[in-house]
Protein backbone atom coordinates (compact mmCIF):
# COMPACT_ATOMS: atom_id res chain seq x y z
CA MET A 1 23.09 8.35 70.64
CA SER A 2 26.29 6.34 70.35
CA ALA A 3 26.99 4.01 67.44
CA MET A 4 26.80 1.00 69.80
CA SER A 5 23.45 2.12 71.16
CA THR A 6 22.09 2.64 67.64
CA ALA A 7 23.48 -0.72 66.54
CA LYS A 8 21.83 -2.45 69.49
CA THR A 9 18.49 -0.83 68.69
CA LEU A 10 18.70 -1.82 65.01
CA LEU A 11 19.72 -5.38 65.85
CA ALA A 12 17.03 -5.81 68.51
CA GLU A 13 14.35 -4.59 66.12
CA ALA A 14 15.57 -6.85 63.30
CA LEU A 15 15.61 -9.86 65.63
CA ALA A 16 12.31 -8.88 67.31
CA LEU A 17 13.98 -9.04 70.72
CA PRO A 18 14.07 -6.58 73.61
CA GLU A 19 17.36 -4.67 73.65
CA GLY A 20 18.01 -5.94 77.16
CA ASP A 21 18.08 -9.52 75.84
CA LEU A 22 20.99 -8.82 73.49
CA PRO A 23 24.41 -9.60 74.94
CA ALA A 24 27.24 -7.16 74.26
CA ASN A 25 28.96 -9.89 72.24
CA ALA A 26 25.88 -10.72 70.10
CA ARG A 27 26.86 -12.40 66.87
CA ILE A 28 25.36 -14.43 64.07
CA GLY A 29 25.16 -18.10 64.95
CA ALA A 30 25.05 -17.40 68.68
CA ILE A 31 21.51 -16.00 68.73
CA GLU A 32 18.75 -18.31 67.51
CA GLN A 33 16.73 -15.46 66.02
CA TRP A 34 19.64 -14.23 63.90
CA ASP A 35 18.86 -16.26 60.80
CA SER A 36 19.14 -15.32 57.13
CA LEU A 37 15.84 -13.42 57.13
CA ALA A 38 16.82 -11.44 60.23
CA HIS A 39 20.20 -10.72 58.64
CA THR A 40 18.42 -9.27 55.61
CA ARG A 41 16.31 -7.09 57.92
CA ILE A 42 19.52 -5.88 59.60
CA LEU A 43 21.06 -4.95 56.25
CA LEU A 44 17.92 -3.10 55.17
CA ALA A 45 17.72 -1.24 58.47
CA LEU A 46 21.35 -0.19 58.13
CA GLU A 47 20.81 1.04 54.58
CA GLU A 48 17.76 3.01 55.72
CA ARG A 49 19.66 4.50 58.65
CA LEU A 50 22.64 5.44 56.47
CA GLY A 51 20.51 6.66 53.56
CA ALA A 52 22.63 4.69 51.12
CA PRO A 53 23.09 1.07 50.06
CA LEU A 54 25.80 -1.09 51.58
CA ASP A 55 28.35 -2.52 49.23
CA ALA A 56 28.76 -6.30 49.10
CA GLU A 57 31.95 -6.28 51.19
CA GLU A 58 30.25 -4.32 53.96
CA ALA A 59 27.23 -6.61 53.98
CA ILE A 60 29.36 -9.75 54.12
CA ALA A 61 31.46 -8.35 56.97
CA ILE A 62 28.49 -7.94 59.33
CA GLU A 63 28.63 -10.84 61.75
CA SER A 64 28.22 -9.18 65.15
CA LEU A 65 26.79 -6.26 67.08
CA GLU A 66 30.28 -4.80 67.14
CA ASP A 67 30.48 -5.03 63.32
CA ILE A 68 27.21 -3.10 63.03
CA ALA A 69 28.47 -0.37 65.37
CA ALA A 70 31.79 -0.14 63.51
CA LEU A 71 29.96 0.26 60.21
CA LEU A 72 27.83 3.04 61.67
CA VAL A 73 30.99 4.82 62.84
CA ARG A 74 32.69 4.46 59.43
CA ARG A 75 29.68 5.50 57.40
CA GLY A 76 27.86 7.70 59.90
């Protein structure tokens, strides 16, 4: 499974949306469901997937689907 595919799955689950409803350019502020609680769910899902906590800089940098995929590539 590619990093983008994994990122899309994680994001869809955190936002409680079907993967098909997420645009390729999904980003915070552009999707109504991506609020602070959903963002926390995304961070927790990433930490679970990676098996390690994110550092503060990584967590702050996550603003889009692309950011999630890039993090998975860097840390995967």
